[in-house]
């Protein structure tokens, strides 16, 4: 009974600490959807940052002599600039994923020089991979 329990616990621990098996093949549709999502997030964050900058300019340039409004406007402007800077990696990642979607695998005939018959050019079947990085 103890041996069976020990074997069961060892089997469970080996399974729980092993790596996951991922058999997913990322195709063109996956990378295009990922690019679209990242671009949408980038535009939303950029719009939010730009609107915070505008709100900060409006709040900070009021006719009031209250320094609280000036500091609040400055905080809005700084927050907007940070959000605008955060949107840049989303656009860069979207561009990279769009280029990955354009990667293609093709089977074609490649011209090749052969040293027989006075260096004649012959065709050889090849598998080509086009990666748009």
N, C-alpha and C. Protein backbone atom coordinates (compact mmCIF):
# COMPACT_ATOMS: atom_id res chain seq x y z
N UNK A 1 0.82 -1.18 0.00
CA UNK A 1 0.00 0.00 0.00
C UNK A 1 0.87 1.26 0.00
N UNK A 2 1.95 1.24 0.81
CA UNK A 2 2.84 2.40 0.86
C UNK A 2 3.55 2.59 -0.47
N UNK A 3 3.92 1.50 -1.12
CA UNK A 3 4.61 1.60 -2.42
C UNK A 3 3.69 2.20 -3.47
N UNK A 4 2.44 1.81 -3.47
CA UNK A 4 1.47 2.34 -4.42
C UNK A 4 1.23 3.82 -4.18
N UNK A 5 1.12 4.23 -2.93
CA UNK A 5 0.93 5.63 -2.59
C UNK A 5 2.16 6.45 -2.97
N UNK A 6 3.36 5.88 -2.72
CA UNK A 6 4.59 6.57 -3.08
C UNK A 6 4.70 6.74 -4.60
N UNK A 7 4.36 5.71 -5.34
CA UNK A 7 4.42 5.78 -6.80
C UNK A 7 3.41 6.81 -7.32
N UNK A 8 2.24 6.86 -6.73
CA UNK A 8 1.22 7.83 -7.12
C UNK A 8 1.68 9.27 -6.84
N UNK A 9 2.27 9.51 -5.68
CA UNK A 9 2.76 10.85 -5.34
C UNK A 9 3.93 11.27 -6.24
N UNK A 10 4.82 10.33 -6.54
CA UNK A 10 5.94 10.65 -7.44
C UNK A 10 5.41 10.97 -8.84
N UNK A 11 4.45 10.20 -9.30
CA UNK A 11 3.86 10.46 -10.61
C UNK A 11 3.18 11.81 -10.68
N UNK A 12 2.46 12.18 -9.64
CA UNK A 12 1.81 13.49 -9.59
C UNK A 12 2.82 14.63 -9.55
N UNK A 13 3.89 14.45 -8.77
CA UNK A 13 4.88 15.52 -8.68
C UNK A 13 5.65 15.67 -9.98
N UNK A 14 5.93 14.59 -10.67
CA UNK A 14 6.61 14.70 -11.96
C UNK A 14 5.74 15.41 -12.98
N UNK A 15 4.46 15.12 -12.98
CA UNK A 15 3.55 15.77 -13.93
C UNK A 15 3.36 17.24 -13.59
N UNK A 16 3.30 17.60 -12.32
CA UNK A 16 3.03 18.98 -11.95
C UNK A 16 4.25 19.89 -12.15
N UNK A 17 5.46 19.35 -12.13
CA UNK A 17 6.65 20.18 -12.31
C UNK A 17 7.24 20.06 -13.70
N UNK A 18 6.55 19.43 -14.62
CA UNK A 18 7.08 19.31 -15.98
C UNK A 18 6.63 20.49 -16.83
N UNK A 19 7.24 20.63 -17.99
CA UNK A 19 6.88 21.71 -18.89
C UNK A 19 5.59 21.39 -19.61
N UNK A 20 4.91 22.43 -20.01
CA UNK A 20 3.66 22.24 -20.74
C UNK A 20 3.97 21.93 -22.19
N UNK A 21 3.14 21.13 -22.79
CA UNK A 21 3.28 20.82 -24.20
C UNK A 21 2.42 21.77 -25.01
N UNK A 22 3.07 22.59 -25.81
CA UNK A 22 2.35 23.50 -26.68
C UNK A 22 2.55 23.04 -28.10
N UNK A 23 1.49 22.68 -28.73
CA UNK A 23 1.55 22.24 -30.12
C UNK A 23 0.83 23.24 -31.02
N UNK A 24 0.85 24.49 -30.64
CA UNK A 24 0.15 25.49 -31.43
C UNK A 24 1.07 25.98 -32.55
N UNK A 25 0.51 26.10 -33.70
CA UNK A 25 1.23 26.66 -34.84
C UNK A 25 0.60 28.03 -35.11
N UNK A 26 1.42 29.05 -34.98
CA UNK A 26 0.91 30.41 -35.18
C UNK A 26 0.88 30.70 -36.67
N UNK A 27 -0.29 30.93 -37.18
CA UNK A 27 -0.43 31.18 -38.60
C UNK A 27 -0.66 32.66 -38.87
N UNK A 28 -0.92 32.97 -40.13
CA UNK A 28 -1.07 34.35 -40.55
C UNK A 28 -2.23 35.04 -39.83
N UNK A 29 -3.34 34.35 -39.68
CA UNK A 29 -4.51 34.96 -39.03
C UNK A 29 -4.22 35.30 -37.58
N UNK A 30 -3.44 34.45 -36.89
CA UNK A 30 -3.08 34.71 -35.50
C UNK A 30 -2.27 36.00 -35.38
N UNK A 31 -1.24 36.12 -36.21
CA UNK A 31 -0.39 37.31 -36.14
C UNK A 31 -1.12 38.57 -36.59
N UNK A 32 -2.01 38.46 -37.57
CA UNK A 32 -2.77 39.63 -37.98
C UNK A 32 -3.73 40.09 -36.89
N UNK A 33 -4.37 39.13 -36.22
CA UNK A 33 -5.28 39.49 -35.12
C UNK A 33 -4.51 40.12 -33.96
N UNK A 34 -3.34 39.55 -33.66
CA UNK A 34 -2.51 40.09 -32.59
C UNK A 34 -2.05 41.50 -32.93
N UNK A 35 -1.67 41.72 -34.20
CA UNK A 35 -1.24 43.05 -34.64
C UNK A 35 -2.39 44.05 -34.53
N UNK A 36 -3.59 43.63 -34.94
CA UNK A 36 -4.76 44.52 -34.87
C UNK A 36 -5.08 44.88 -33.42
N UNK A 37 -5.02 43.90 -32.53
CA UNK A 37 -5.30 44.16 -31.11
C UNK A 37 -4.28 45.12 -30.52
N UNK A 38 -3.00 44.90 -30.82
CA UNK A 38 -1.96 45.77 -30.27
C UNK A 38 -2.07 47.18 -30.84
N UNK A 39 -2.43 47.29 -32.11
CA UNK A 39 -2.58 48.61 -32.70
C UNK A 39 -3.77 49.35 -32.08
N UNK A 40 -4.86 48.63 -31.81
CA UNK A 40 -6.02 49.24 -31.16
C UNK A 40 -5.67 49.72 -29.76
N UNK A 41 -4.95 48.89 -29.01
CA UNK A 41 -4.52 49.29 -27.67
C UNK A 41 -3.62 50.52 -27.74
N UNK A 42 -2.71 50.53 -28.72
CA UNK A 42 -1.83 51.68 -28.89
C UNK A 42 -2.58 52.97 -29.17
N UNK A 43 -3.60 52.89 -30.06
CA UNK A 43 -4.38 54.09 -30.36
C UNK A 43 -5.20 54.56 -29.17
N UNK A 44 -5.74 53.61 -28.40
CA UNK A 44 -6.53 53.99 -27.21
C UNK A 44 -5.64 54.68 -26.18
N UNK A 45 -4.46 54.10 -25.93
CA UNK A 45 -3.54 54.69 -24.95
C UNK A 45 -3.03 56.04 -25.43
N UNK A 46 -2.74 56.16 -26.73
CA UNK A 46 -2.29 57.44 -27.28
C UNK A 46 -3.38 58.50 -27.17
N UNK A 47 -4.62 58.12 -27.46
CA UNK A 47 -5.73 59.07 -27.33
C UNK A 47 -5.95 59.50 -25.89
N UNK A 48 -5.85 58.56 -24.96
CA UNK A 48 -6.01 58.90 -23.55
C UNK A 48 -4.90 59.84 -23.09
N UNK A 49 -3.68 59.57 -23.51
CA UNK A 49 -2.57 60.44 -23.13
C UNK A 49 -2.69 61.84 -23.70
N UNK A 50 -3.10 61.93 -24.97
CA UNK A 50 -3.26 63.23 -25.60
C UNK A 50 -4.40 64.01 -24.96
N UNK A 51 -5.48 63.32 -24.61
CA UNK A 51 -6.58 64.03 -23.94
C UNK A 51 -6.18 64.49 -22.53
N UNK A 52 -5.34 63.71 -21.85
CA UNK A 52 -4.85 64.16 -20.54
C UNK A 52 -3.95 65.39 -20.68
N UNK A 53 -3.15 65.43 -21.73
CA UNK A 53 -2.31 66.61 -21.96
C UNK A 53 -3.20 67.83 -22.20
N UNK A 54 -4.24 67.67 -23.02
CA UNK A 54 -5.16 68.79 -23.29
C UNK A 54 -5.88 69.22 -22.02
N UNK A 55 -6.31 68.24 -21.21
CA UNK A 55 -6.99 68.58 -19.95
C UNK A 55 -6.03 69.30 -19.00
N UNK A 56 -4.77 68.88 -19.00
CA UNK A 56 -3.78 69.54 -18.15
C UNK A 56 -3.52 70.96 -18.58
N UNK A 57 -3.49 71.19 -19.89
CA UNK A 57 -3.29 72.56 -20.38
C UNK A 57 -4.48 73.45 -20.04
N UNK A 58 -5.67 72.90 -20.15
CA UNK A 58 -6.86 73.68 -19.83
C UNK A 58 -6.93 73.96 -18.33
N UNK A 59 -6.65 72.93 -17.52
CA UNK A 59 -6.72 73.09 -16.06
C UNK A 59 -5.62 74.02 -15.55
N UNK A 60 -4.42 73.87 -16.07
CA UNK A 60 -3.29 74.66 -15.56
C UNK A 60 -3.28 76.10 -16.02
N UNK A 61 -3.95 76.38 -17.12
CA UNK A 61 -3.92 77.75 -17.63
C UNK A 61 -5.18 78.53 -17.28
N UNK A 62 -5.84 78.14 -16.22
CA UNK A 62 -7.06 78.84 -15.81
C UNK A 62 -6.75 80.22 -15.26
N UNK A 63 -7.78 81.02 -15.12
CA UNK A 63 -7.64 82.38 -14.61
C UNK A 63 -7.49 82.41 -13.09
N UNK A 64 -7.64 81.28 -12.45
CA UNK A 64 -7.57 81.22 -11.00
C UNK A 64 -6.12 81.36 -10.53
N UNK A 65 -5.95 81.98 -9.36
CA UNK A 65 -4.62 82.11 -8.77
C UNK A 65 -4.29 80.94 -7.87
N UNK A 66 -5.12 79.94 -7.86
CA UNK A 66 -4.94 78.78 -7.00
C UNK A 66 -3.81 77.90 -7.56
N UNK A 67 -2.80 77.64 -6.72
CA UNK A 67 -1.69 76.80 -7.15
C UNK A 67 -2.08 75.34 -7.28
N UNK A 68 -3.16 74.95 -6.65
CA UNK A 68 -3.63 73.57 -6.77
C UNK A 68 -4.02 73.24 -8.19
N UNK A 69 -4.65 74.22 -8.88
CA UNK A 69 -5.02 73.99 -10.29
C UNK A 69 -3.78 73.87 -11.17
N UNK A 70 -2.76 74.65 -10.88
CA UNK A 70 -1.52 74.58 -11.67
C UNK A 70 -0.84 73.23 -11.47
N UNK A 71 -0.76 72.77 -10.23
CA UNK A 71 -0.13 71.49 -9.97
C UNK A 71 -0.96 70.33 -10.54
N UNK A 72 -2.28 70.45 -10.48
CA UNK A 72 -3.14 69.41 -11.06
C UNK A 72 -2.96 69.38 -12.58
N UNK A 73 -2.89 70.55 -13.19
CA UNK A 73 -2.65 70.61 -14.64
C UNK A 73 -1.31 70.01 -15.01
N UNK A 74 -0.29 70.29 -14.19
CA UNK A 74 1.03 69.71 -14.44
C UNK A 74 1.02 68.19 -14.29
N UNK A 75 0.26 67.70 -13.31
CA UNK A 75 0.15 66.25 -13.12
C UNK A 75 -0.56 65.60 -14.30
N UNK A 76 -1.59 66.27 -14.81
CA UNK A 76 -2.28 65.74 -15.99
C UNK A 76 -1.35 65.69 -17.19
N UNK A 77 -0.56 66.74 -17.37
CA UNK A 77 0.35 66.79 -18.51
C UNK A 77 1.41 65.70 -18.41
N UNK A 78 1.98 65.53 -17.23
CA UNK A 78 3.00 64.48 -17.05
C UNK A 78 2.39 63.10 -17.27
N UNK A 79 1.20 62.89 -16.75
CA UNK A 79 0.52 61.59 -16.96
C UNK A 79 0.23 61.36 -18.43
N UNK A 80 -0.17 62.39 -19.15
CA UNK A 80 -0.43 62.27 -20.58
C UNK A 80 0.81 61.94 -21.38
N UNK A 81 1.92 62.59 -21.03
CA UNK A 81 3.18 62.31 -21.72
C UNK A 81 3.63 60.87 -21.47
N UNK A 82 3.46 60.41 -20.23
CA UNK A 82 3.81 59.02 -19.90
C UNK A 82 2.94 58.06 -20.70
N UNK A 83 1.64 58.31 -20.78
CA UNK A 83 0.76 57.44 -21.55
C UNK A 83 1.10 57.46 -23.04
N UNK A 84 1.45 58.62 -23.56
CA UNK A 84 1.86 58.69 -24.97
C UNK A 84 3.14 57.89 -25.20
N UNK A 85 4.06 57.92 -24.25
CA UNK A 85 5.29 57.13 -24.38
C UNK A 85 5.01 55.64 -24.25
N UNK A 86 4.02 55.27 -23.44
CA UNK A 86 3.67 53.86 -23.26
C UNK A 86 3.04 53.30 -24.53
N UNK A 87 2.41 54.13 -25.34
CA UNK A 87 1.76 53.64 -26.56
C UNK A 87 2.77 53.24 -27.63
N UNK A 88 3.98 53.74 -27.58
CA UNK A 88 4.98 53.46 -28.61
C UNK A 88 5.30 51.97 -28.71
N UNK A 89 5.57 51.24 -27.60
CA UNK A 89 5.86 49.81 -27.74
C UNK A 89 4.70 49.00 -28.33
N UNK A 90 3.46 49.44 -28.12
CA UNK A 90 2.33 48.73 -28.73
C UNK A 90 2.36 48.86 -30.25
N UNK A 91 2.69 50.05 -30.75
CA UNK A 91 2.77 50.23 -32.19
C UNK A 91 3.95 49.45 -32.79
N UNK A 92 5.07 49.41 -32.07
CA UNK A 92 6.24 48.66 -32.55
C UNK A 92 5.92 47.17 -32.59
N UNK A 93 5.29 46.65 -31.55
CA UNK A 93 4.92 45.23 -31.52
C UNK A 93 3.90 44.90 -32.60
N UNK A 94 2.97 45.79 -32.85
CA UNK A 94 1.98 45.56 -33.91
C UNK A 94 2.66 45.48 -35.26
N UNK A 95 3.65 46.33 -35.48
CA UNK A 95 4.38 46.30 -36.74
C UNK A 95 5.15 44.99 -36.90
N UNK A 96 5.79 44.53 -35.83
CA UNK A 96 6.54 43.27 -35.89
C UNK A 96 5.62 42.09 -36.16
N UNK A 97 4.45 42.07 -35.52
CA UNK A 97 3.52 40.97 -35.73
C UNK A 97 2.93 41.00 -37.14
N UNK A 98 2.75 42.18 -37.70
CA UNK A 98 2.28 42.26 -39.08
C UNK A 98 3.34 41.71 -40.03
N UNK A 99 4.60 42.00 -39.75
CA UNK A 99 5.68 41.45 -40.58
C UNK A 99 5.77 39.94 -40.42
N UNK A 100 5.52 39.43 -39.22
CA UNK A 100 5.52 37.98 -39.02
C UNK A 100 4.39 37.32 -39.78
N UNK A 101 3.28 38.01 -39.91
CA UNK A 101 2.16 37.45 -40.66
C UNK A 101 2.49 37.37 -42.14
N UNK A 102 3.36 38.26 -42.61
CA UNK A 102 3.74 38.26 -44.01
C UNK A 102 4.81 37.21 -44.32
N UNK A 103 5.34 36.55 -43.29
CA UNK A 103 6.33 35.50 -43.53
C UNK A 103 5.65 34.36 -44.28
N UNK A 104 6.36 33.78 -45.22
CA UNK A 104 5.76 32.73 -46.05
C UNK A 104 6.74 31.59 -46.26
N UNK A 105 6.20 30.40 -46.38
CA UNK A 105 6.98 29.22 -46.73
C UNK A 105 6.52 28.80 -48.12
N UNK A 106 7.47 28.63 -49.04
CA UNK A 106 7.10 28.30 -50.41
C UNK A 106 8.03 27.23 -50.96
N UNK A 107 7.49 26.46 -51.89
CA UNK A 107 8.27 25.46 -52.61
C UNK A 107 8.44 25.99 -54.02
N UNK A 108 9.69 26.18 -54.46
CA UNK A 108 9.92 26.72 -55.79
C UNK A 108 11.17 26.11 -56.38
N UNK A 109 11.39 26.39 -57.63
CA UNK A 109 12.57 25.89 -58.34
C UNK A 109 13.64 26.98 -58.32
N UNK A 110 14.79 26.65 -57.76
CA UNK A 110 15.89 27.59 -57.62
C UNK A 110 16.91 27.34 -58.74
N UNK A 111 17.29 28.39 -59.48
CA UNK A 111 18.36 28.18 -60.48
C UNK A 111 19.69 27.93 -59.78
N UNK A 112 20.47 26.98 -60.34
CA UNK A 112 21.72 26.59 -59.70
C UNK A 112 22.76 26.28 -60.77
N UNK A 113 23.98 26.75 -60.54
CA UNK A 113 25.08 26.44 -61.45
C UNK A 113 25.60 25.04 -61.15
N UNK A 114 25.80 24.24 -62.21
CA UNK A 114 26.37 22.91 -62.03
C UNK A 114 27.61 22.80 -62.91
N UNK A 115 28.68 22.18 -62.39
CA UNK A 115 29.93 22.13 -63.14
C UNK A 115 29.96 21.09 -64.27
N UNK A 116 28.86 20.52 -64.62
CA UNK A 116 28.87 19.60 -65.76
C UNK A 116 28.32 20.31 -66.99
N UNK A 117 28.74 19.90 -68.13
CA UNK A 117 28.30 20.49 -69.40
C UNK A 117 28.59 21.99 -69.47
N UNK A 118 29.82 22.36 -69.17
CA UNK A 118 30.27 23.75 -69.25
C UNK A 118 29.48 24.69 -68.34
N UNK A 119 29.34 24.31 -67.11
CA UNK A 119 28.67 25.13 -66.09
C UNK A 119 27.26 25.54 -66.51
N UNK A 120 26.48 24.59 -66.79
CA UNK A 120 25.09 24.85 -67.20
C UNK A 120 24.27 25.23 -65.97
N UNK A 121 23.22 25.98 -66.21
CA UNK A 121 22.30 26.36 -65.14
C UNK A 121 21.15 25.36 -65.17
N UNK A 122 20.92 24.74 -64.04
CA UNK A 122 19.79 23.82 -63.93
C UNK A 122 18.89 24.27 -62.80
N UNK A 123 17.74 23.67 -62.72
CA UNK A 123 16.76 24.02 -61.69
C UNK A 123 16.79 22.96 -60.59
N UNK A 124 16.76 23.41 -59.36
CA UNK A 124 16.73 22.49 -58.23
C UNK A 124 15.56 22.87 -57.34
N UNK A 125 14.75 21.90 -56.93
CA UNK A 125 13.63 22.22 -56.04
C UNK A 125 14.13 22.62 -54.65
N UNK A 126 13.59 23.70 -54.13
CA UNK A 126 13.99 24.19 -52.81
C UNK A 126 12.76 24.58 -52.00
N UNK A 127 12.95 24.59 -50.72
CA UNK A 127 11.95 25.07 -49.79
C UNK A 127 12.46 26.40 -49.26
N UNK A 128 11.74 27.47 -49.54
CA UNK A 128 12.19 28.80 -49.14
C UNK A 128 11.28 29.36 -48.05
N UNK A 129 11.90 30.11 -47.17
CA UNK A 129 11.18 30.76 -46.08
C UNK A 129 11.44 32.25 -46.20
N UNK A 130 10.38 33.02 -46.35
CA UNK A 130 10.49 34.47 -46.41
C UNK A 130 10.03 35.03 -45.09
N UNK A 131 10.94 35.69 -44.39
CA UNK A 131 10.63 36.29 -43.10
C UNK A 131 10.77 37.79 -43.25
N UNK A 132 9.73 38.52 -42.94
CA UNK A 132 9.74 39.95 -43.15
C UNK A 132 10.19 40.73 -41.93
N UNK A 133 11.34 40.45 -41.36
CA UNK A 133 11.82 41.20 -40.20
C UNK A 133 12.70 42.30 -40.63
